[in-house]
Amino acid sequence: MPDISIIIPALNEEQVLPRTLVELQIVRGKRVEIILVDGGSADNTVQCAEGLIDRLVLSTAGRAVQMNKGAEAAQGKVLLFLHADTLLPKQLVQLINEHMSNNVVDVWGRFNVKLDGRHFMFRIIETMMNWRSCLTGIVTGDHAMFVSKHLFERVGGYPTIALMEDIAISQKLKRIKPPVCINNVVVTSSRRWEQAGIIKTIIKMWSFRLAYLLKINPSLLAKKY
C-alpha cells in the first residue's frame, strides 16, 4: 500500500501533462501512486498518460469534483493534489516524511512556488504568493497541497463549488491546525500570466478572491472566470 497518493485533476492538458508525469517517475513506486482524474478531455490527455500513471479515474469536469473522486480512489495515507503543469521536487518522499509525525492523522501543508517564466515580475509574484500562503494559512493549487487522508475526510473533502475550492478547504483545515510550509519549491507554469498579461492576471485573481471573501456565489464567479 502506498504512503503518498499524487492526485492530478486534468482537462485538455495534453501539452503539459506528459512532462509532469515523466518527472514523477522518479518517485513512482517508492510507496507513491499517481492518479489521473480526467474531467472529460477532448484531446489526448488520457492517451498521453498511458504507462505513466497507476490509476485513471474518469469524472465530470470541475476541480473540486475531480479531486474528491481522486481522493476516494487513493490508497495512500497522504494525499497530494497536483496541477497538470507543476513539477514536484525529486526529494518529495523525504520532504514529506520529514514533516510527518508518527501520528499522521492531522497533518497538512504545502510547498513554496516557483514560476517558470523569466520576467522579473514572476520573482515578485512567487515571493508574495509564498509569504501570503504561510501568513494566512491559505493554500492554493499552485502550492501542491498535501493532507493526510484522515484529515481530508474529517473536513469533508473539497467543497463542491465552481471556484475557490482551495481557499474553502484551507479555511476548514486551518481551524484544526496551521499548514506545514515546506520551503523547497514546486515549479509551476507561468502560462496564465503570459497569456492574459501579468498585471491583468494579478488584478483578476485578487478581485475574484475578494469577491469570494465578500460571499459572492462561486458559481457566478466561475462564469466570469
C-alpha atoms as a PDB file:
ATOM      1  CA  MET A   1       0.000   0.000   0.000  1.00  0.00           C
ATOM      2  CA  PRO A   2       1.417   3.435  -0.939  1.00  0.00           C
ATOM      3  CA  ASP A   3       2.215   6.119   1.609  1.00  0.00           C
ATOM      4  CA  ILE A   4       1.514   9.017  -0.778  1.00  0.00           C
ATOM      5  CA  SER A   5      -1.154   9.349  -3.459  1.00  0.00           C
ATOM      6  CA  ILE A   6      -0.483  12.089  -6.024  1.00  0.00           C
ATOM      7  CA  ILE A   7      -3.812  13.210  -7.493  1.00  0.00           C
ATOM      8  CA  ILE A   8      -3.803  15.184 -10.752  1.00  0.00           C
ATOM      9  CA  PRO A   9      -7.100  16.692 -11.956  1.00  0.00           C
ATOM     10  CA  ALA A  10      -6.884  17.375 -15.675  1.00  0.00           C
ATOM     11  CA  LEU A  11      -8.957  18.688 -18.562  1.00  0.00           C
ATOM     12  CA  ASN A  12      -7.405  19.034 -22.017  1.00  0.00           C
ATOM     13  CA  GLU A  13      -3.824  19.100 -20.726  1.00  0.00           C
ATOM     14  CA  GLU A  14      -2.009  17.087 -23.395  1.00  0.00           C
ATOM     15  CA  GLN A  15       0.509  19.905 -23.914  1.00  0.00           C
ATOM     16  CA  VAL A  16       1.823  19.985 -20.333  1.00  0.00           C
ATOM     17  CA  LEU A  17       0.842  16.705 -18.657  1.00  0.00           C
ATOM     18  CA  PRO A  18       3.469  14.400 -20.264  1.00  0.00           C
ATOM     19  CA  ARG A  19       6.389  16.362 -18.816  1.00  0.00           C
ATOM     20  CA  THR A  20       4.814  16.353 -15.356  1.00  0.00           C
ATOM     21  CA  LEU A  21       4.229  12.602 -15.461  1.00  0.00           C
ATOM     22  CA  VAL A  22       7.706  11.811 -16.789  1.00  0.00           C
ATOM     23  CA  GLU A  23       9.247  13.838 -13.943  1.00  0.00           C
ATOM     24  CA  LEU A  24       7.118  11.903 -11.439  1.00  0.00           C
ATOM     25  CA  GLN A  25       8.513   8.535 -12.498  1.00  0.00           C
ATOM     26  CA  ILE A  26      11.494   9.061 -10.187  1.00  0.00           C
ATOM     27  CA  VAL A  27       9.187   8.767  -7.157  1.00  0.00           C
ATOM     28  CA  ARG A  28       6.557   6.473  -8.622  1.00  0.00           C
ATOM     29  CA  GLY A  29       6.592   3.055  -6.983  1.00  0.00           C
ATOM     30  CA  LYS A  30       8.580   4.241  -3.969  1.00  0.00           C
ATOM     31  CA  ARG A  31       5.411   3.875  -1.926  1.00  0.00           C
ATOM     32  CA  VAL A  32       3.936   6.572  -4.160  1.00  0.00           C
ATOM     33  CA  GLU A  33       0.995   6.140  -6.542  1.00  0.00           C
ATOM     34  CA  ILE A  34      -0.057   8.518  -9.311  1.00  0.00           C
ATOM     35  CA  ILE A  35      -3.750   9.037 -10.004  1.00  0.00           C
ATOM     36  CA  LEU A  36      -5.013  10.996 -13.006  1.00  0.00           C
ATOM     37  CA  VAL A  37      -8.581  12.266 -12.765  1.00  0.00           C
ATOM     38  CA  ASP A  38      -9.771  13.277 -16.220  1.00  0.00           C
ATOM     39  CA  GLY A  39     -12.731  15.613 -16.466  1.00  0.00           C
ATOM     40  CA  GLY A  40     -13.786  14.606 -19.986  1.00  0.00           C
ATOM     41  CA  SER A  41     -10.861  15.824 -22.084  1.00  0.00           C
ATOM     42  CA  ALA A  42     -11.455  16.283 -25.810  1.00  0.00           C
ATOM     43  CA  ASP A  43      -7.742  15.987 -26.611  1.00  0.00           C
ATOM     44  CA  ASN A  44      -5.181  13.228 -25.926  1.00  0.00           C
ATOM     45  CA  THR A  45      -4.793  13.855 -22.188  1.00  0.00           C
ATOM     46  CA  VAL A  46      -5.790  10.299 -21.273  1.00  0.00           C
ATOM     47  CA  GLN A  47      -3.753   8.669 -24.035  1.00  0.00           C
ATOM     48  CA  CYS A  48      -0.558  10.552 -23.205  1.00  0.00           C
ATOM     49  CA  ALA A  49      -0.741   9.283 -19.621  1.00  0.00           C
ATOM     50  CA  GLU A  50      -0.679   5.602 -20.581  1.00  0.00           C
ATOM     51  CA  GLY A  51       2.098   3.741 -18.786  1.00  0.00           C
ATOM     52  CA  LEU A  52       2.930   6.766 -16.633  1.00  0.00           C
ATOM     53  CA  ILE A  53       0.166   6.529 -14.007  1.00  0.00           C
ATOM     54  CA  ASP A  54      -1.122   3.900 -11.612  1.00  0.00           C
ATOM     55  CA  ARG A  55      -4.792   4.702 -11.875  1.00  0.00           C
ATOM     56  CA  LEU A  56      -7.121   6.580 -14.207  1.00  0.00           C
ATOM     57  CA  VAL A  57     -10.346   7.984 -12.772  1.00  0.00           C
ATOM     58  CA  LEU A  58     -12.998   9.393 -15.112  1.00  0.00           C
ATOM     59  CA  SER A  59     -15.087  12.266 -13.819  1.00  0.00           C
ATOM     60  CA  THR A  60     -17.305  15.142 -14.776  1.00  0.00           C
ATOM     61  CA  ALA A  61     -15.419  18.408 -15.180  1.00  0.00           C
ATOM     62  CA  GLY A  62     -14.734  20.553 -12.115  1.00  0.00           C
ATOM     63  CA  ARG A  63     -11.603  20.610  -9.977  1.00  0.00           C
ATOM     64  CA  ALA A  64     -13.371  20.022  -6.668  1.00  0.00           C
ATOM     65  CA  VAL A  65     -15.346  17.075  -8.033  1.00  0.00           C
ATOM     66  CA  GLN A  66     -12.286  15.619  -9.740  1.00  0.00           C
ATOM     67  CA  MET A  67     -10.029  15.926  -6.710  1.00  0.00           C
ATOM     68  CA  ASN A  68     -12.649  14.383  -4.428  1.00  0.00           C
ATOM     69  CA  LYS A  69     -13.006  11.447  -6.818  1.00  0.00           C
ATOM     70  CA  GLY A  70      -9.250  11.022  -6.870  1.00  0.00           C
ATOM     71  CA  ALA A  71      -9.180  11.035  -3.076  1.00  0.00           C
ATOM     72  CA  GLU A  72     -11.857   8.338  -2.959  1.00  0.00           C
ATOM     73  CA  ALA A  73      -9.739   6.119  -5.197  1.00  0.00           C
ATOM     74  CA  ALA A  74      -6.478   6.853  -3.371  1.00  0.00           C
ATOM     75  CA  GLN A  75      -4.852   4.220  -1.171  1.00  0.00           C
ATOM     76  CA  GLY A  76      -2.138   6.413   0.367  1.00  0.00           C
ATOM     77  CA  LYS A  77      -2.103   7.797   3.881  1.00  0.00           C
ATOM     78  CA  VAL A  78      -1.221  11.205   2.450  1.00  0.00           C
ATOM     79  CA  LEU A  79      -2.970  12.874  -0.489  1.00  0.00           C
ATOM     80  CA  LEU A  80      -1.060  15.367  -2.645  1.00  0.00           C
ATOM     81  CA  PHE A  81      -3.045  17.435  -5.136  1.00  0.00           C
ATOM     82  CA  LEU A  82      -1.021  18.492  -8.159  1.00  0.00           C
ATOM     83  CA  HIS A  83      -1.688  20.731 -11.147  1.00  0.00           C
ATOM     84  CA  ALA A  84      -1.006  19.141 -14.517  1.00  0.00           C
ATOM     85  CA  ASP A  85       1.623  21.813 -15.237  1.00  0.00           C
ATOM     86  CA  THR A  86       3.522  21.655 -11.934  1.00  0.00           C
ATOM     87  CA  LEU A  87       6.773  19.801 -11.209  1.00  0.00           C
ATOM     88  CA  LEU A  88       7.464  18.381  -7.755  1.00  0.00           C
ATOM     89  CA  PRO A  89      10.908  18.257  -6.099  1.00  0.00           C
ATOM     90  CA  LYS A  90      12.736  14.980  -6.688  1.00  0.00           C
ATOM     91  CA  GLN A  91      13.168  14.502  -2.924  1.00  0.00           C
ATOM     92  CA  LEU A  92       9.383  14.600  -2.461  1.00  0.00           C
ATOM     93  CA  VAL A  93       9.069  11.482  -0.305  1.00  0.00           C
ATOM     94  CA  GLN A  94      11.872  12.502   2.044  1.00  0.00           C
ATOM     95  CA  LEU A  95      10.492  16.040   2.412  1.00  0.00           C
ATOM     96  CA  ILE A  96       7.000  14.896   3.315  1.00  0.00           C
ATOM     97  CA  ASN A  97       8.255  12.191   5.661  1.00  0.00           C
ATOM     98  CA  GLU A  98      10.444  14.726   7.459  1.00  0.00           C
ATOM     99  CA  HIS A  99       7.390  16.828   8.236  1.00  0.00           C
ATOM    100  CA  MET A 100       5.154  13.963   9.230  1.00  0.00           C
ATOM    101  CA  SER A 101       4.949  12.930  12.837  1.00  0.00           C
ATOM    102  CA  ASN A 102       4.336   9.324  13.827  1.00  0.00           C
ATOM    103  CA  ASN A 103       0.676  10.286  14.066  1.00  0.00           C
ATOM    104  CA  VAL A 104      -0.231  11.493  10.565  1.00  0.00           C
ATOM    105  CA  VAL A 105      -3.959  11.845  11.067  1.00  0.00           C
ATOM    106  CA  ASP A 106      -3.921  15.640  11.399  1.00  0.00           C
ATOM    107  CA  VAL A 107      -1.184  16.858   9.061  1.00  0.00           C
ATOM    108  CA  TRP A 108      -1.446  19.112   6.018  1.00  0.00           C
ATOM    109  CA  GLY A 109       0.804  21.555   4.229  1.00  0.00           C
ATOM    110  CA  ARG A 110       2.289  22.873   1.028  1.00  0.00           C
ATOM    111  CA  PHE A 111       5.481  23.713  -0.855  1.00  0.00           C
ATOM    112  CA  ASN A 112       6.842  27.057  -1.945  1.00  0.00           C
ATOM    113  CA  VAL A 113       6.039  28.026  -5.531  1.00  0.00           C
ATOM    114  CA  LYS A 114       8.470  28.981  -8.275  1.00  0.00           C
ATOM    115  CA  LEU A 115       7.071  30.209 -11.595  1.00  0.00           C
ATOM    116  CA  ASP A 116       8.930  29.031 -14.680  1.00  0.00           C
ATOM    117  CA  GLY A 117       8.780  32.378 -16.512  1.00  0.00           C
ATOM    118  CA  ARG A 118      11.885  34.563 -16.706  1.00  0.00           C
ATOM    119  CA  HIS A 119      10.264  38.010 -16.331  1.00  0.00           C
ATOM    120  CA  PHE A 120      11.424  39.767 -13.153  1.00  0.00           C
ATOM    121  CA  MET A 121       7.793  40.250 -12.125  1.00  0.00           C
ATOM    122  CA  PHE A 122       7.461  36.494 -11.651  1.00  0.00           C
ATOM    123  CA  ARG A 123      10.084  36.615  -8.892  1.00  0.00           C
ATOM    124  CA  ILE A 124       7.951  39.188  -7.069  1.00  0.00           C
ATOM    125  CA  ILE A 125       4.725  37.261  -7.668  1.00  0.00           C
ATOM    126  CA  GLU A 126       6.091  33.955  -6.405  1.00  0.00           C
ATOM    127  CA  THR A 127       7.623  35.594  -3.322  1.00  0.00           C
ATOM    128  CA  MET A 128       4.324  37.257  -2.467  1.00  0.00           C
ATOM    129  CA  MET A 129       2.410  34.013  -3.085  1.00  0.00           C
ATOM    130  CA  ASN A 130       4.652  32.138  -0.658  1.00  0.00           C
ATOM    131  CA  TRP A 131       4.549  34.813   2.047  1.00  0.00           C
ATOM    132  CA  ARG A 132       0.798  35.187   1.762  1.00  0.00           C
ATOM    133  CA  SER A 133       0.205  31.457   1.978  1.00  0.00           C
ATOM    134  CA  CYS A 134       2.239  30.954   5.137  1.00  0.00           C
ATOM    135  CA  LEU A 135       0.940  34.080   6.846  1.00  0.00           C
ATOM    136  CA  THR A 136      -2.744  33.394   6.128  1.00  0.00           C
ATOM    137  CA  GLY A 137      -2.760  29.598   6.158  1.00  0.00           C
ATOM    138  CA  ILE A 138      -4.498  29.615   2.766  1.00  0.00           C
ATOM    139  CA  VAL A 139      -3.062  27.124   0.285  1.00  0.00           C
ATOM    140  CA  THR A 140      -3.940  27.365  -3.398  1.00  0.00           C
ATOM    141  CA  GLY A 141      -3.478  24.729  -6.077  1.00  0.00           C
ATOM    142  CA  ASP A 142      -0.122  26.067  -7.265  1.00  0.00           C
ATOM    143  CA  HIS A 143       1.426  25.131  -3.916  1.00  0.00           C
ATOM    144  CA  ALA A 144       0.789  21.365  -4.335  1.00  0.00           C
ATOM    145  CA  MET A 145      -1.209  20.900  -1.140  1.00  0.00           C
ATOM    146  CA  PHE A 146      -0.761  17.652   0.770  1.00  0.00           C
ATOM    147  CA  VAL A 147      -3.024  16.406   3.540  1.00  0.00           C
ATOM    148  CA  SER A 148      -3.426  13.186   5.481  1.00  0.00           C
ATOM    149  CA  LYS A 149      -6.366  11.211   4.136  1.00  0.00           C
ATOM    150  CA  HIS A 150      -7.845  11.042   7.626  1.00  0.00           C
ATOM    151  CA  LEU A 151      -7.844  14.823   7.955  1.00  0.00           C
ATOM    152  CA  PHE A 152      -9.162  15.277   4.405  1.00  0.00           C
ATOM    153  CA  GLU A 153     -12.108  13.045   5.185  1.00  0.00           C
ATOM    154  CA  ARG A 154     -12.587  14.713   8.566  1.00  0.00           C
ATOM    155  CA  VAL A 155     -13.270  18.087   6.918  1.00  0.00           C
ATOM    156  CA  GLY A 156     -15.435  16.535   4.213  1.00  0.00           C
ATOM    157  CA  GLY A 157     -13.017  16.938   1.319  1.00  0.00           C
ATOM    158  CA  TYR A 158     -13.188  19.813  -1.134  1.00  0.00           C
ATOM    159  CA  PRO A 159     -16.473  21.726  -1.079  1.00  0.00           C
ATOM    160  CA  THR A 160     -18.100  21.066  -4.455  1.00  0.00           C
ATOM    161  CA  ILE A 161     -18.194  24.687  -5.544  1.00  0.00           C
ATOM    162  CA  ALA A 162     -17.421  26.007  -9.005  1.00  0.00           C
ATOM    163  CA  LEU A 163     -14.412  28.106  -7.966  1.00  0.00           C
ATOM    164  CA  MET A 164     -12.257  28.888  -4.919  1.00  0.00           C
ATOM    165  CA  GLU A 165     -12.367  25.320  -3.627  1.00  0.00           C
ATOM    166  CA  ASP A 166      -8.732  25.602  -2.494  1.00  0.00           C
ATOM    167  CA  ILE A 167      -9.500  28.590  -0.286  1.00  0.00           C
ATOM    168  CA  ALA A 168     -12.616  26.900   1.077  1.00  0.00           C
ATOM    169  CA  ILE A 169     -10.841  23.725   2.180  1.00  0.00           C
ATOM    170  CA  SER A 170      -7.896  25.715   3.575  1.00  0.00           C
ATOM    171  CA  GLN A 171     -10.273  27.657   5.774  1.00  0.00           C
ATOM    172  CA  LYS A 172     -11.609  24.399   7.198  1.00  0.00           C
ATOM    173  CA  LEU A 173      -8.211  22.784   7.635  1.00  0.00           C
ATOM    174  CA  LYS A 174      -6.523  25.724   9.331  1.00  0.00           C
ATOM    175  CA  ARG A 175      -9.217  25.760  12.011  1.00  0.00           C
ATOM    176  CA  ILE A 176      -7.756  22.428  13.085  1.00  0.00           C
ATOM    177  CA  LYS A 177      -4.091  23.353  12.681  1.00  0.00           C
ATOM    178  CA  PRO A 178      -1.907  25.616  10.506  1.00  0.00           C
ATOM    179  CA  PRO A 179      -0.302  24.186   7.376  1.00  0.00           C
ATOM    180  CA  VAL A 180       3.263  22.918   7.262  1.00  0.00           C
ATOM    181  CA  CYS A 181       5.176  25.311   4.957  1.00  0.00           C
ATOM    182  CA  ILE A 182       7.956  23.456   3.138  1.00  0.00           C
ATOM    183  CA  ASN A 183      10.485  25.864   1.654  1.00  0.00           C
ATOM    184  CA  ASN A 184      11.530  23.532  -1.168  1.00  0.00           C
ATOM    185  CA  VAL A 185       9.873  24.652  -4.383  1.00  0.00           C
ATOM    186  CA  VAL A 186       7.447  23.194  -6.849  1.00  0.00           C
ATOM    187  CA  VAL A 187       7.898  24.691 -10.315  1.00  0.00           C
ATOM    188  CA  THR A 188       4.639  25.706 -11.959  1.00  0.00           C
ATOM    189  CA  SER A 189       3.853  27.171 -15.346  1.00  0.00           C
ATOM    190  CA  SER A 190       3.525  30.925 -15.734  1.00  0.00           C
ATOM    191  CA  ARG A 191       1.364  30.450 -18.862  1.00  0.00           C
ATOM    192  CA  ARG A 192      -1.790  32.066 -17.460  1.00  0.00           C
ATOM    193  CA  TRP A 193       0.122  35.268 -16.647  1.00  0.00           C
ATOM    194  CA  GLU A 194       1.898  35.245 -20.004  1.00  0.00           C
ATOM    195  CA  GLN A 195      -1.275  34.640 -21.998  1.00  0.00           C
ATOM    196  CA  ALA A 196      -3.512  37.199 -20.309  1.00  0.00           C
ATOM    197  CA  GLY A 197      -0.875  39.700 -19.186  1.00  0.00           C
ATOM    198  CA  ILE A 198       0.889  39.817 -15.823  1.00  0.00           C
ATOM    199  CA  ILE A 199      -0.814  42.853 -14.324  1.00  0.00           C
ATOM    200  CA  LYS A 200      -4.250  41.911 -15.659  1.00  0.00           C
ATOM    201  CA  THR A 201      -3.920  38.425 -14.208  1.00  0.00           C
ATOM    202  CA  ILE A 202      -2.860  39.723 -10.781  1.00  0.00           C
ATOM    203  CA  ILE A 203      -5.821  42.105 -10.675  1.00  0.00           C
ATOM    204  CA  LYS A 204      -8.190  39.389 -11.849  1.00  0.00           C
ATOM    205  CA  MET A 205      -7.011  36.850  -9.266  1.00  0.00           C
ATOM    206  CA  TRP A 206      -7.203  39.272  -6.355  1.00  0.00           C
ATOM    207  CA  SER A 207     -10.594  40.641  -7.427  1.00  0.00           C
ATOM    208  CA  PHE A 208     -12.025  37.120  -7.564  1.00  0.00           C
ATOM    209  CA  ARG A 209     -10.562  36.281  -4.179  1.00  0.00           C
ATOM    210  CA  LEU A 210     -12.013  39.459  -2.684  1.00  0.00           C
ATOM    211  CA  ALA A 211     -15.399  38.702  -4.236  1.00  0.00           C
ATOM    212  CA  TYR A 212     -15.351  35.237  -2.699  1.00  0.00           C
ATOM    213  CA  LEU A 213     -14.470  36.614   0.723  1.00  0.00           C
ATOM    214  CA  LEU A 214     -17.407  39.017   0.311  1.00  0.00           C
ATOM    215  CA  LYS A 215     -19.631  35.950  -0.105  1.00  0.00           C
ATOM    216  CA  ILE A 216     -20.297  36.293  -3.833  1.00  0.00           C
ATOM    217  CA  ASN A 217     -21.645  32.983  -5.140  1.00  0.00           C
ATOM    218  CA  PRO A 218     -18.743  30.906  -6.583  1.00  0.00           C
ATOM    219  CA  SER A 219     -20.982  29.836  -9.482  1.00  0.00           C
ATOM    220  CA  LEU A 220     -21.316  33.473 -10.550  1.00  0.00           C
ATOM    221  CA  LEU A 221     -17.564  33.962 -10.225  1.00  0.00           C
ATOM    222  CA  ALA A 222     -16.896  30.849 -12.325  1.00  0.00           C
ATOM    223  CA  LYS A 223     -18.996  32.219 -15.191  1.00  0.00           C
ATOM    224  CA  LYS A 224     -16.864  35.370 -15.256  1.00  0.00           C
ATOM    225  CA  TYR A 225     -13.607  33.430 -14.791  1.00  0.00           C
END
